[in-house]
Amino acid sequence: MNPTRTNNEEDLSSNNRDQYFGSRVTESPVDMDKGHLETEADMESKSESREEFYFDKVAALDAPCLEAPREPPKFPPHHPSNNPDGGVKAWLAVFGGFLCLFCSFGWIVAIGVFQDYYSRHQLKKYSPSEISWIPSTELFMLFVGGPIIGKIYDNYGPQPLLAVGTFFHVFGLFMASFAKNYWQILLSQGICSPIGASCVFYPAMSCLATWFFKKRALAMGLMACGSSVGGVVLPIFLERMLPKIGFAWTMRAAALMILGLLCIANVTVRSRNAPSPRPFRLQDFTDPLKEVPYSLTTAGSFFVFLGMFLPFTYLIVQAVHLGAPRSIAVSLVAILNGASFFGRLFPGYVADKIGRYNLTIVMMTLTAVSVFAVWTTTRSTGGVIAFAALYGFTSGAFVSMAPTLIAQISPDMRLIGIRNGTQFAILAVAALIGSPIGGAIAGTGAQPNYMALQVFCGICLAVGVVFMTAARINLSGFKLMVKV
C-alpha cells in the first residue's frame, strides 16, 4: 500500500529529481531559463534524452510512492531533431542537389575561363575590372534573390522553382551564344542565366535541411561536391570546345548538357515537409537579423564572400602574367575546384563529429593563412599551382558549411528557405563588389599590383574568422572543448 504523500514530500521529491536530471528540459527551441537560442548540441542532447530515462532511478527518487515515469520531452513535428537522417528519398534529394549545384554554382565558379576568354576576344577593349563585373553580376544574381525564392520555397515547395529555374538558366545560356557586345553578354550570362541558377540552387540546399539532422554537414558536403565537380569538368569542357567549335556552339552545348541534368534534378529533389503557405511579410525577412548568432554568422560570411572568390577570378590572369603557358593557367580553375571537392566532402563528415562552427573557424583560418603565407610569396608557376590546390581544399569547406550553420541555429525547418535566402541576399552584395574591388586594387597596365589584391583577400577572410568566432562564443561561451 502506498502511503499518502505530503506537499513537502512532493516538493522534496521534485527537487531531488531536478538535481538528478539536471536543469529543466523545455519543449521549445528557446531555453526559457537562460533566454537564449538552443545550439544544435542542445537539441541533440535533448533528442537523445528521450531514450535515456532510467525508470528504476525515478522510482527510487519517488519512493515509497511509485508513480509512472516522466514522459520524455516532445518536440514539434517540424523540429529538426525529427529529421530521419537517411532513407531513399533523402539520398535521392542529395543526388538531385548534387546535380543542381553542378549546374548552378559549378557553372558560375568557372568564371576564370570567361574572364580570360573575353579579355582576348569579344571584350578585349575593356579593362579586367570592367570585364569582372560580368562574373560578379552572375554571383550577385545567384544570391540576391534568396529571400524571395526562399519565401516561395516555404510556401509552395521546390518543384515550381526548379521548373522555372531550369528554363531561365538554359534560356540565358542560349541567348549568350548570340551575344556580340558587353551589354548582351551582361544581360544573358550575367543576369538571365543566374536568375535561373538561383531558382535551382536554393531549393536544393533548403530541401536537404529537412531530411538530415545529425548527418546534416555530411549530406551538405556531398551535395556541395556537385559545385566542385562542375568547377572541374566545366572549365575543361569550355577550354577544349572553345577553339574547336567556337563560342556560340560551346555555349549551346553547355546549355543542352545543363538541361539534361536539371531534368533529373526536377524529379529527385523533394522536401520532407509539406508547403505551408503564409502571406508575405517584411517581418519574416527582418526577424532572423534580430538573433545575435544569426547576425554574427551572416557578418562573418559576408567578409568571407568578399575575398573568397578573388583567386577564382584572377589566378589565371596572374599565372599568365608570371609566364605560365595558357593551357596550364586555365587548368588552375580545375585544380581549385578539384581540391575543393575534398574540402567539401571530408570536413562535412568531421563537422558532424566536432561541431560545425568549430570546423568552419578552423578551415577559414587555414584559408586566410594560405593567402598570406603562400599566395603573397609565390613568384613561379609551380607556386601558383600549389596555392590553387591548398586554397581550393581549405576554402571549399565554407561552401558546404554555410547552409549548415544557418540550419543549426534555426528552430523551425518550415522557415529554412527564407532564413537561408536572407543570409545569401546579404552575401550577394559581397559577391558583387568583391572582384571589381580586387580588380581596381590590382590596377591595369604592364605591372598589375597583385600583392595588394592578395593582401585585400587575406584581410577579408581574417575579418570573417573574427565574426564567426564571435558567433561561436555567443552560442557556447569561451569553452574550447565544446561541440558547436
Protein backbone atom coordinates (compact mmCIF):
# COMPACT_ATOMS: atom_id res chain seq x y z
CA MET A 1 0.00 0.00 0.00
CA ASN A 2 1.34 3.40 -0.93
CA PRO A 3 1.13 5.95 1.88
CA THR A 4 -0.27 9.40 1.19
CA ARG A 5 2.46 11.92 0.34
CA THR A 6 2.53 15.36 1.89
CA ASN A 7 3.14 18.55 -0.06
CA ASN A 8 6.59 18.87 1.49
CA GLU A 9 7.46 15.34 0.42
CA GLU A 10 6.30 16.10 -3.13
CA ASP A 11 8.42 19.27 -3.21
CA LEU A 12 11.41 17.36 -1.88
CA SER A 13 10.94 14.59 -4.44
CA SER A 14 10.63 17.18 -7.17
CA ASN A 15 13.82 18.90 -6.02
CA ASN A 16 15.67 15.58 -5.89
CA ARG A 17 14.51 14.73 -9.38
CA ASP A 18 15.67 18.11 -10.68
CA GLN A 19 19.05 17.63 -9.02
CA TYR A 20 19.36 14.19 -10.51
CA PHE A 21 18.36 15.04 -14.07
CA GLY A 22 19.91 18.49 -14.16
CA SER A 23 18.25 21.63 -15.37
CA ARG A 24 14.71 21.55 -16.67
CA VAL A 25 14.24 20.40 -20.30
CA THR A 26 11.98 22.62 -22.30
CA GLU A 27 9.97 21.65 -25.34
CA SER A 28 10.72 24.92 -27.07
CA PRO A 29 13.83 25.74 -29.12
CA VAL A 30 14.35 28.67 -26.78
CA ASP A 31 15.65 27.90 -23.29
CA MET A 32 13.24 29.85 -21.10
CA ASP A 33 15.54 29.64 -18.07
CA LYS A 34 18.51 31.16 -19.86
CA GLY A 35 16.76 33.19 -22.54
CA HIS A 36 18.93 32.13 -25.44
CA LEU A 37 18.53 30.14 -28.63
CA GLU A 38 19.46 26.49 -28.26
CA THR A 39 22.53 25.24 -30.07
CA GLU A 40 22.25 22.10 -32.12
CA ALA A 41 24.25 20.30 -29.47
CA ASP A 42 21.45 21.15 -27.02
CA MET A 43 18.88 19.82 -29.47
CA GLU A 44 20.84 16.59 -29.99
CA SER A 45 21.22 16.15 -26.24
CA LYS A 46 17.51 16.62 -25.68
CA SER A 47 16.68 14.35 -28.59
CA GLU A 48 18.86 11.61 -27.15
CA SER A 49 17.36 12.13 -23.69
CA ARG A 50 14.07 10.77 -24.93
CA GLU A 51 15.66 7.31 -24.99
CA GLU A 52 17.64 7.62 -21.78
CA PHE A 53 15.10 7.60 -18.95
CA TYR A 54 16.08 5.20 -16.20
CA PHE A 55 12.78 4.26 -14.64
CA ASP A 56 14.31 2.48 -11.68
CA LYS A 57 16.15 5.63 -10.62
CA VAL A 58 12.99 7.68 -10.97
CA ALA A 59 11.18 5.18 -8.81
CA ALA A 60 13.94 5.33 -6.19
CA LEU A 61 13.65 9.10 -6.00
CA ASP A 62 9.87 8.94 -5.64
CA ALA A 63 9.79 6.06 -3.11
CA PRO A 64 7.82 4.95 -1.24
CA CYS A 65 5.13 6.16 -3.67
CA LEU A 66 5.73 4.60 -7.09
CA GLU A 67 4.48 6.76 -9.94
CA ALA A 68 4.62 6.48 -13.69
CA PRO A 69 7.92 7.81 -15.05
CA ARG A 70 8.06 11.18 -16.68
CA GLU A 71 7.23 11.36 -20.35
CA PRO A 72 10.31 12.16 -22.46
CA PRO A 73 10.36 15.67 -23.87
CA LYS A 74 8.29 16.03 -27.05
CA PHE A 75 9.19 18.25 -29.95
CA PRO A 76 7.00 19.94 -32.56
CA PRO A 77 6.67 17.93 -35.82
CA HIS A 78 8.93 20.37 -37.68
CA HIS A 79 11.66 20.42 -35.03
CA PRO A 80 14.95 19.50 -36.77
CA SER A 81 15.64 16.61 -34.39
CA ASN A 82 12.73 14.73 -36.02
CA ASN A 83 14.52 14.57 -39.39
CA PRO A 84 15.10 10.93 -40.45
CA ASP A 85 18.82 11.27 -41.34
CA GLY A 86 18.50 8.85 -44.22
CA GLY A 87 16.21 6.82 -46.46
CA VAL A 88 15.77 6.52 -50.22
CA LYS A 89 14.01 9.87 -50.64
CA ALA A 90 16.63 11.64 -48.52
CA TRP A 91 19.58 10.32 -50.52
CA LEU A 92 17.78 10.97 -53.81
CA ALA A 93 17.44 14.58 -52.64
CA VAL A 94 21.21 14.62 -52.04
CA PHE A 95 21.81 13.30 -55.57
CA GLY A 96 19.42 15.83 -57.10
CA GLY A 97 21.04 18.59 -55.06
CA PHE A 98 24.43 17.48 -56.36
CA LEU A 99 23.18 17.98 -59.92
CA CYS A 100 21.64 21.34 -59.02
CA LEU A 101 24.93 22.64 -57.64
CA PHE A 102 26.86 21.21 -60.60
CA CYS A 103 24.67 23.25 -62.95
CA SER A 104 24.38 26.42 -60.85
CA PHE A 105 27.34 27.12 -58.58
CA GLY A 106 29.60 24.80 -60.58
CA TRP A 107 28.90 26.82 -63.73
CA ILE A 108 29.47 30.15 -62.06
CA VAL A 109 32.80 29.19 -60.42
CA ALA A 110 34.13 28.61 -63.94
CA ILE A 111 34.26 32.43 -64.17
CA GLY A 112 38.04 32.44 -64.56
CA VAL A 113 37.75 30.86 -68.02
CA PHE A 114 35.35 33.57 -69.23
CA GLN A 115 37.39 36.36 -67.62
CA ASP A 116 40.38 35.21 -69.67
CA TYR A 117 38.43 34.46 -72.87
CA TYR A 118 36.50 37.73 -73.01
CA SER A 119 39.69 39.74 -72.41
CA ARG A 120 41.13 38.20 -75.62
CA HIS A 121 38.00 38.19 -77.81
CA GLN A 122 34.64 39.97 -77.60
CA LEU A 123 35.64 42.37 -74.80
CA LYS A 124 39.34 42.91 -75.44
CA LYS A 125 38.80 46.68 -75.46
CA TYR A 126 37.64 46.59 -71.85
CA SER A 127 39.78 46.56 -68.70
CA PRO A 128 39.91 43.48 -66.40
CA SER A 129 37.95 45.40 -63.77
CA GLU A 130 35.18 46.21 -66.28
CA ILE A 131 35.03 42.61 -67.51
CA SER A 132 34.91 41.32 -63.93
CA TRP A 133 31.52 42.99 -63.49
CA ILE A 134 30.02 40.18 -65.62
CA PRO A 135 31.04 37.26 -63.33
CA SER A 136 30.41 39.46 -60.29
CA THR A 137 26.89 40.16 -61.53
CA GLU A 138 26.45 36.41 -62.01
CA LEU A 139 27.33 35.77 -58.38
CA PHE A 140 25.15 38.67 -57.25
CA MET A 141 22.11 37.43 -59.17
CA LEU A 142 22.68 33.89 -57.90
CA PHE A 143 22.39 35.04 -54.28
CA VAL A 144 20.35 38.27 -54.20
CA GLY A 145 17.00 36.63 -54.90
CA GLY A 146 17.40 34.43 -51.84
CA PRO A 147 14.68 35.98 -49.62
CA ILE A 148 12.03 35.91 -52.36
CA ILE A 149 12.99 32.44 -53.60
CA GLY A 150 13.20 31.22 -50.01
CA LYS A 151 9.70 32.51 -49.28
CA ILE A 152 8.32 30.88 -52.45
CA TYR A 153 10.01 27.64 -51.39
CA ASP A 154 8.46 27.79 -47.91
CA ASN A 155 5.01 28.49 -49.40
CA TYR A 156 4.92 26.19 -52.43
CA GLY A 157 7.81 23.73 -52.18
CA PRO A 158 10.76 23.16 -54.55
CA GLN A 159 9.04 21.93 -57.74
CA PRO A 160 7.78 25.26 -59.19
CA LEU A 161 11.16 26.89 -58.55
CA LEU A 162 13.10 24.03 -60.14
CA ALA A 163 10.98 24.16 -63.30
CA VAL A 164 11.26 27.93 -63.67
CA GLY A 165 14.97 27.88 -62.82
CA THR A 166 15.71 25.23 -65.43
CA PHE A 167 14.05 27.34 -68.13
CA PHE A 168 15.78 30.63 -67.30
CA HIS A 169 19.24 29.10 -66.80
CA VAL A 170 19.16 27.26 -70.14
CA PHE A 171 17.50 30.15 -71.98
CA GLY A 172 20.12 32.62 -70.72
CA LEU A 173 22.99 30.44 -71.93
CA PHE A 174 21.37 30.02 -75.34
CA MET A 175 20.98 33.78 -75.62
CA ALA A 176 24.62 34.26 -74.59
CA SER A 177 25.66 32.19 -77.59
CA PHE A 178 24.37 35.02 -79.83
CA ALA A 179 25.95 37.83 -77.78
CA LYS A 180 28.46 40.08 -79.54
CA ASN A 181 28.97 43.02 -77.19
CA TYR A 182 29.23 43.87 -73.49
CA TRP A 183 25.59 44.60 -72.66
CA GLN A 184 24.34 41.48 -74.48
CA ILE A 185 26.72 39.25 -72.52
CA LEU A 186 25.81 41.02 -69.30
CA LEU A 187 22.05 40.57 -69.83
CA SER A 188 22.18 36.93 -70.93
CA GLN A 189 25.07 35.40 -68.99
CA GLY A 190 25.23 37.91 -66.14
CA ILE A 191 21.51 38.29 -65.34
CA CYS A 192 19.12 35.84 -67.05
CA SER A 193 21.15 32.65 -66.58
CA PRO A 194 22.00 33.18 -62.88
CA ILE A 195 18.36 34.02 -62.09
CA GLY A 196 17.57 30.51 -63.24
CA ALA A 197 20.59 29.09 -61.43
CA SER A 198 19.37 30.76 -58.24
CA CYS A 199 15.98 29.05 -58.57
CA VAL A 200 17.64 25.62 -58.57
CA PHE A 201 20.38 26.45 -56.04
CA TYR A 202 18.17 27.46 -53.09
CA PRO A 203 15.55 24.67 -53.24
CA ALA A 204 18.27 22.00 -53.35
CA MET A 205 20.03 23.50 -50.36
CA SER A 206 16.86 24.00 -48.32
CA CYS A 207 15.42 20.54 -49.05
CA LEU A 208 18.42 18.79 -47.53
CA ALA A 209 17.93 20.61 -44.24
CA THR A 210 14.51 18.92 -43.90
CA TRP A 211 15.91 15.39 -44.31
CA PHE A 212 19.03 15.43 -42.11
CA PHE A 213 19.89 16.45 -38.55
CA LYS A 214 22.90 14.63 -37.08
CA LYS A 215 24.31 13.90 -40.57
CA ARG A 216 23.44 17.30 -41.98
CA ALA A 217 27.00 18.53 -42.59
CA LEU A 218 27.92 15.26 -44.32
CA ALA A 219 24.84 15.46 -46.56
CA MET A 220 25.51 19.12 -47.36
CA GLY A 221 29.13 18.27 -48.11
CA LEU A 222 28.12 15.55 -50.56
CA MET A 223 25.68 17.91 -52.26
CA ALA A 224 28.22 20.75 -52.36
CA CYS A 225 30.66 18.42 -54.13
CA GLY A 226 28.45 18.98 -57.16
CA SER A 227 29.79 22.51 -57.46
CA SER A 228 33.36 21.18 -57.19
CA VAL A 229 32.81 18.56 -59.88
CA GLY A 230 31.16 21.19 -62.06
CA GLY A 231 34.05 23.53 -61.39
CA VAL A 232 36.46 20.86 -62.64
CA VAL A 233 34.50 19.48 -65.59
CA LEU A 234 33.05 22.69 -66.99
CA PRO A 235 36.31 24.72 -67.30
CA ILE A 236 37.98 21.78 -69.07
CA PHE A 237 34.91 21.36 -71.29
CA LEU A 238 34.89 25.06 -72.17
CA GLU A 239 38.63 25.24 -72.80
CA ARG A 240 38.51 22.22 -75.12
CA MET A 241 35.38 23.25 -77.01
CA LEU A 242 36.01 26.98 -77.50
CA PRO A 243 38.88 26.59 -80.00
CA LYS A 244 37.20 23.65 -81.78
CA ILE A 245 33.59 24.73 -82.31
CA GLY A 246 33.68 28.40 -81.30
CA PHE A 247 31.99 30.41 -78.57
CA ALA A 248 28.41 30.15 -79.89
CA TRP A 249 28.21 26.36 -80.18
CA THR A 250 30.18 25.84 -76.97
CA MET A 251 27.55 27.81 -75.06
CA ARG A 252 24.72 25.89 -76.75
CA ALA A 253 26.35 22.54 -75.95
CA ALA A 254 26.77 23.58 -72.32
CA ALA A 255 23.11 24.67 -72.20
CA LEU A 256 21.90 21.30 -73.52
CA MET A 257 24.05 19.41 -71.01
CA ILE A 258 22.68 21.52 -68.14
CA LEU A 259 19.12 20.99 -69.40
CA GLY A 260 19.51 17.21 -69.24
CA LEU A 261 20.97 17.23 -65.73
CA LEU A 262 18.36 19.61 -64.35
CA CYS A 263 15.55 17.43 -65.73
CA ILE A 264 16.82 14.66 -63.45
CA ALA A 265 17.06 17.09 -60.53
CA ASN A 266 13.45 18.17 -61.06
CA VAL A 267 12.38 14.59 -60.37
CA THR A 268 14.64 13.75 -57.41
CA VAL A 269 14.70 16.92 -55.29
CA ARG A 270 11.84 16.78 -52.79
CA SER A 271 11.19 18.35 -49.39
CA ARG A 272 10.16 16.22 -46.39
CA ASN A 273 7.84 18.97 -45.18
CA ALA A 274 4.61 19.87 -46.91
CA PRO A 275 4.44 23.50 -48.08
CA SER A 276 2.99 25.89 -45.51
CA PRO A 277 1.66 28.94 -47.38
CA ARG A 278 1.87 32.17 -45.41
CA PRO A 279 1.43 35.77 -46.56
CA PHE A 280 4.50 37.78 -47.46
CA ARG A 281 5.55 39.95 -44.54
CA LEU A 282 8.60 42.16 -44.19
CA GLN A 283 8.93 40.87 -40.65
CA ASP A 284 9.77 37.40 -41.98
CA PHE A 285 12.92 38.82 -43.57
CA THR A 286 14.00 41.00 -40.66
CA ASP A 287 13.27 38.72 -37.70
CA PRO A 288 16.33 36.47 -38.25
CA LEU A 289 18.63 39.51 -38.18
CA LYS A 290 17.46 40.25 -34.62
CA GLU A 291 19.06 36.99 -33.45
CA VAL A 292 22.65 37.61 -32.37
CA PRO A 293 24.08 34.25 -33.60
CA TYR A 294 22.39 34.73 -36.98
CA SER A 295 23.68 38.30 -37.39
CA LEU A 296 27.24 37.42 -36.39
CA THR A 297 27.27 34.37 -38.66
CA THR A 298 25.98 36.44 -41.58
CA ALA A 299 28.56 39.19 -40.96
CA GLY A 300 31.35 36.62 -40.94
CA SER A 301 30.05 35.02 -44.13
CA PHE A 302 29.85 38.47 -45.77
CA PHE A 303 33.57 39.14 -45.32
CA VAL A 304 34.49 35.60 -46.35
CA PHE A 305 32.50 36.04 -49.58
CA LEU A 306 34.09 39.44 -50.16
CA GLY A 307 37.51 37.86 -50.50
CA MET A 308 36.92 34.18 -51.25
CA PHE A 309 36.25 34.43 -54.99
CA LEU A 310 39.21 36.67 -55.86
CA PRO A 311 41.57 33.74 -56.60
CA PHE A 312 38.90 32.14 -58.80
CA THR A 313 38.71 35.35 -60.85
CA TYR A 314 42.34 36.49 -61.01
CA LEU A 315 44.55 33.43 -60.56
CA ILE A 316 44.56 32.61 -64.28
CA VAL A 317 45.40 36.20 -65.20
CA GLN A 318 48.21 36.28 -62.64
CA ALA A 319 49.63 32.94 -63.85
CA VAL A 320 49.78 34.23 -67.44
CA HIS A 321 51.45 37.38 -66.14
CA LEU A 322 54.09 35.19 -64.42
CA GLY A 323 54.80 33.44 -67.73
CA ALA A 324 52.83 30.22 -67.35
CA PRO A 325 51.62 28.56 -70.57
CA ARG A 326 47.98 29.36 -71.19
CA SER A 327 47.00 25.67 -71.07
CA ILE A 328 48.43 25.39 -67.55
CA ALA A 329 46.97 28.70 -66.44
CA VAL A 330 43.44 27.71 -67.48
CA SER A 331 43.79 24.39 -65.64
CA LEU A 332 44.17 26.34 -62.38
CA VAL A 333 40.38 26.73 -62.14
CA ALA A 334 40.02 22.96 -62.43
CA ILE A 335 42.71 22.48 -59.76
CA LEU A 336 40.97 24.93 -57.43
CA ASN A 337 37.64 23.16 -57.80
CA GLY A 338 39.14 19.67 -57.77
CA ALA A 339 40.78 20.36 -54.43
CA SER A 340 37.56 21.92 -53.14
CA PHE A 341 35.81 18.57 -53.78
CA PHE A 342 37.79 17.03 -50.93
CA GLY A 343 37.47 20.26 -48.94
CA ARG A 344 33.69 19.92 -49.04
CA LEU A 345 33.42 16.17 -48.54
CA PHE A 346 35.74 15.29 -45.64
CA PRO A 347 35.19 18.41 -43.49
CA GLY A 348 31.44 17.77 -43.73
CA TYR A 349 31.92 14.36 -42.10
CA VAL A 350 34.26 15.76 -39.44
CA ALA A 351 31.96 18.71 -38.69
CA ASP A 352 29.17 16.38 -37.59
CA LYS A 353 31.60 14.97 -35.02
CA ILE A 354 33.36 18.05 -33.63
CA GLY A 355 30.87 20.82 -34.39
CA ARG A 356 30.12 22.87 -37.50
CA TYR A 357 31.15 26.24 -36.13
CA ASN A 358 34.36 24.73 -34.79
CA LEU A 359 35.32 23.27 -38.14
CA THR A 360 34.30 26.37 -40.12
CA ILE A 361 36.54 28.58 -37.96
CA VAL A 362 39.49 26.22 -38.35
CA MET A 363 39.14 25.90 -42.13
CA MET A 364 38.63 29.63 -42.71
CA THR A 365 41.68 30.38 -40.58
CA LEU A 366 43.72 28.00 -42.75
CA THR A 367 42.32 29.70 -45.86
CA ALA A 368 43.47 33.12 -44.66
CA VAL A 369 46.89 31.70 -43.72
CA SER A 370 47.27 30.14 -47.18
CA VAL A 371 46.66 33.54 -48.78
CA PHE A 372 49.17 35.39 -46.60
CA ALA A 373 51.81 32.64 -46.44
CA VAL A 374 51.63 31.17 -49.96
CA TRP A 375 49.83 33.40 -52.46
CA THR A 376 51.61 36.60 -51.47
CA THR A 377 55.04 34.94 -51.67
CA THR A 378 54.76 32.87 -54.85
CA ARG A 379 56.54 34.09 -57.96
CA SER A 380 56.53 30.91 -60.06
CA THR A 381 54.08 28.73 -61.95
CA GLY A 382 54.66 25.85 -59.55
CA GLY A 383 53.91 28.07 -56.59
CA VAL A 384 50.63 29.24 -58.13
CA ILE A 385 49.60 25.62 -58.75
CA ALA A 386 50.43 24.68 -55.15
CA PHE A 387 48.41 27.61 -53.87
CA ALA A 388 45.46 26.67 -56.08
CA ALA A 389 45.35 23.17 -54.59
CA LEU A 390 45.75 24.36 -50.98
CA TYR A 391 43.27 27.22 -51.31
CA GLY A 392 40.71 25.02 -53.07
CA PHE A 393 40.77 22.50 -50.23
CA THR A 394 40.54 24.96 -47.34
CA SER A 395 38.02 27.36 -48.89
CA GLY A 396 35.85 24.53 -50.20
CA ALA A 397 34.66 23.73 -46.71
CA PHE A 398 32.88 27.06 -46.36
CA VAL A 399 30.53 26.48 -49.30
CA SER A 400 29.18 23.30 -47.69
CA MET A 401 29.29 24.62 -44.12
CA ALA A 402 27.48 27.96 -44.61
CA PRO A 403 23.96 26.47 -45.02
CA THR A 404 24.51 24.05 -42.12
CA LEU A 405 25.37 26.92 -39.77
CA ILE A 406 22.05 28.62 -40.51
CA ALA A 407 20.18 25.33 -40.17
CA GLN A 408 21.91 24.71 -36.84
CA ILE A 409 20.57 27.93 -35.34
CA SER A 410 17.11 27.59 -36.94
CA PRO A 411 14.47 26.02 -34.67
CA ASP A 412 11.77 25.53 -37.33
CA MET A 413 12.55 23.84 -40.65
CA ARG A 414 9.38 25.32 -42.18
CA LEU A 415 11.22 28.66 -42.31
CA ILE A 416 14.59 27.37 -43.50
CA GLY A 417 14.08 28.72 -47.03
CA ILE A 418 13.64 32.34 -46.01
CA ARG A 419 16.40 32.16 -43.37
CA ASN A 420 18.92 30.80 -45.88
CA GLY A 421 17.71 33.23 -48.53
CA THR A 422 18.01 36.29 -46.29
CA GLN A 423 21.62 35.47 -45.47
CA PHE A 424 22.61 34.80 -49.07
CA ALA A 425 20.95 38.00 -50.25
CA ILE A 426 23.32 39.88 -47.97
CA LEU A 427 26.23 37.79 -49.24
CA ALA A 428 25.22 38.74 -52.78
CA VAL A 429 26.45 42.29 -52.16
CA ALA A 430 29.87 40.93 -51.19
CA ALA A 431 29.93 38.68 -54.26
CA LEU A 432 29.01 41.64 -56.49
CA ILE A 433 31.65 44.10 -55.28
CA GLY A 434 34.49 41.72 -54.36
CA SER A 435 36.01 41.10 -57.80
CA PRO A 436 35.66 44.70 -59.10
CA ILE A 437 37.29 45.99 -55.91
CA GLY A 438 40.06 43.46 -56.37
CA GLY A 439 40.50 44.50 -60.00
CA ALA A 440 40.62 48.17 -59.06
CA ILE A 441 43.22 47.43 -56.35
CA ALA A 442 45.39 45.42 -58.74
CA GLY A 443 45.12 48.11 -61.39
CA THR A 444 45.88 47.82 -65.08
CA GLY A 445 48.96 48.17 -67.19
CA ALA A 446 52.08 46.08 -67.68
CA GLN A 447 52.67 45.57 -63.93
CA PRO A 448 49.41 44.98 -62.02
CA ASN A 449 49.74 45.20 -58.24
CA TYR A 450 48.78 41.61 -57.40
CA MET A 451 50.34 41.88 -53.94
CA ALA A 452 47.76 44.49 -52.89
CA LEU A 453 44.99 42.29 -54.29
CA GLN A 454 46.27 39.30 -52.29
CA VAL A 455 46.53 41.27 -49.04
CA PHE A 456 42.96 42.53 -49.51
CA CYS A 457 41.78 38.94 -50.00
CA GLY A 458 43.56 37.75 -46.85
CA ILE A 459 42.25 40.60 -44.69
CA CYS A 460 38.66 39.93 -45.76
CA LEU A 461 38.99 36.25 -44.82
CA ALA A 462 40.60 37.09 -41.47
CA VAL A 463 37.79 39.51 -40.56
CA GLY A 464 35.29 36.80 -41.45
CA VAL A 465 37.00 34.43 -39.00
CA VAL A 466 36.69 37.04 -36.23
CA PHE A 467 32.91 37.31 -36.68
CA MET A 468 32.49 33.53 -36.88
CA THR A 469 34.42 33.18 -33.63
CA ALA A 470 32.18 35.80 -32.02
CA ALA A 471 29.11 33.79 -33.10
CA ARG A 472 30.55 30.65 -31.54
CA ILE A 473 31.30 32.48 -28.29
CA ASN A 474 27.74 33.80 -28.21
CA LEU A 475 26.42 30.24 -28.52
CA SER A 476 28.70 28.44 -26.08
CA GLY A 477 30.87 30.94 -24.22
CA PHE A 478 34.66 30.68 -24.12
CA LYS A 479 34.77 26.91 -23.65
CA LEU A 480 37.11 25.36 -26.21
CA MET A 481 36.28 21.66 -25.94
CA VAL A 482 32.59 22.02 -26.77
CA LYS A 483 30.80 20.79 -29.87
CA VAL A 484 29.25 23.86 -31.51
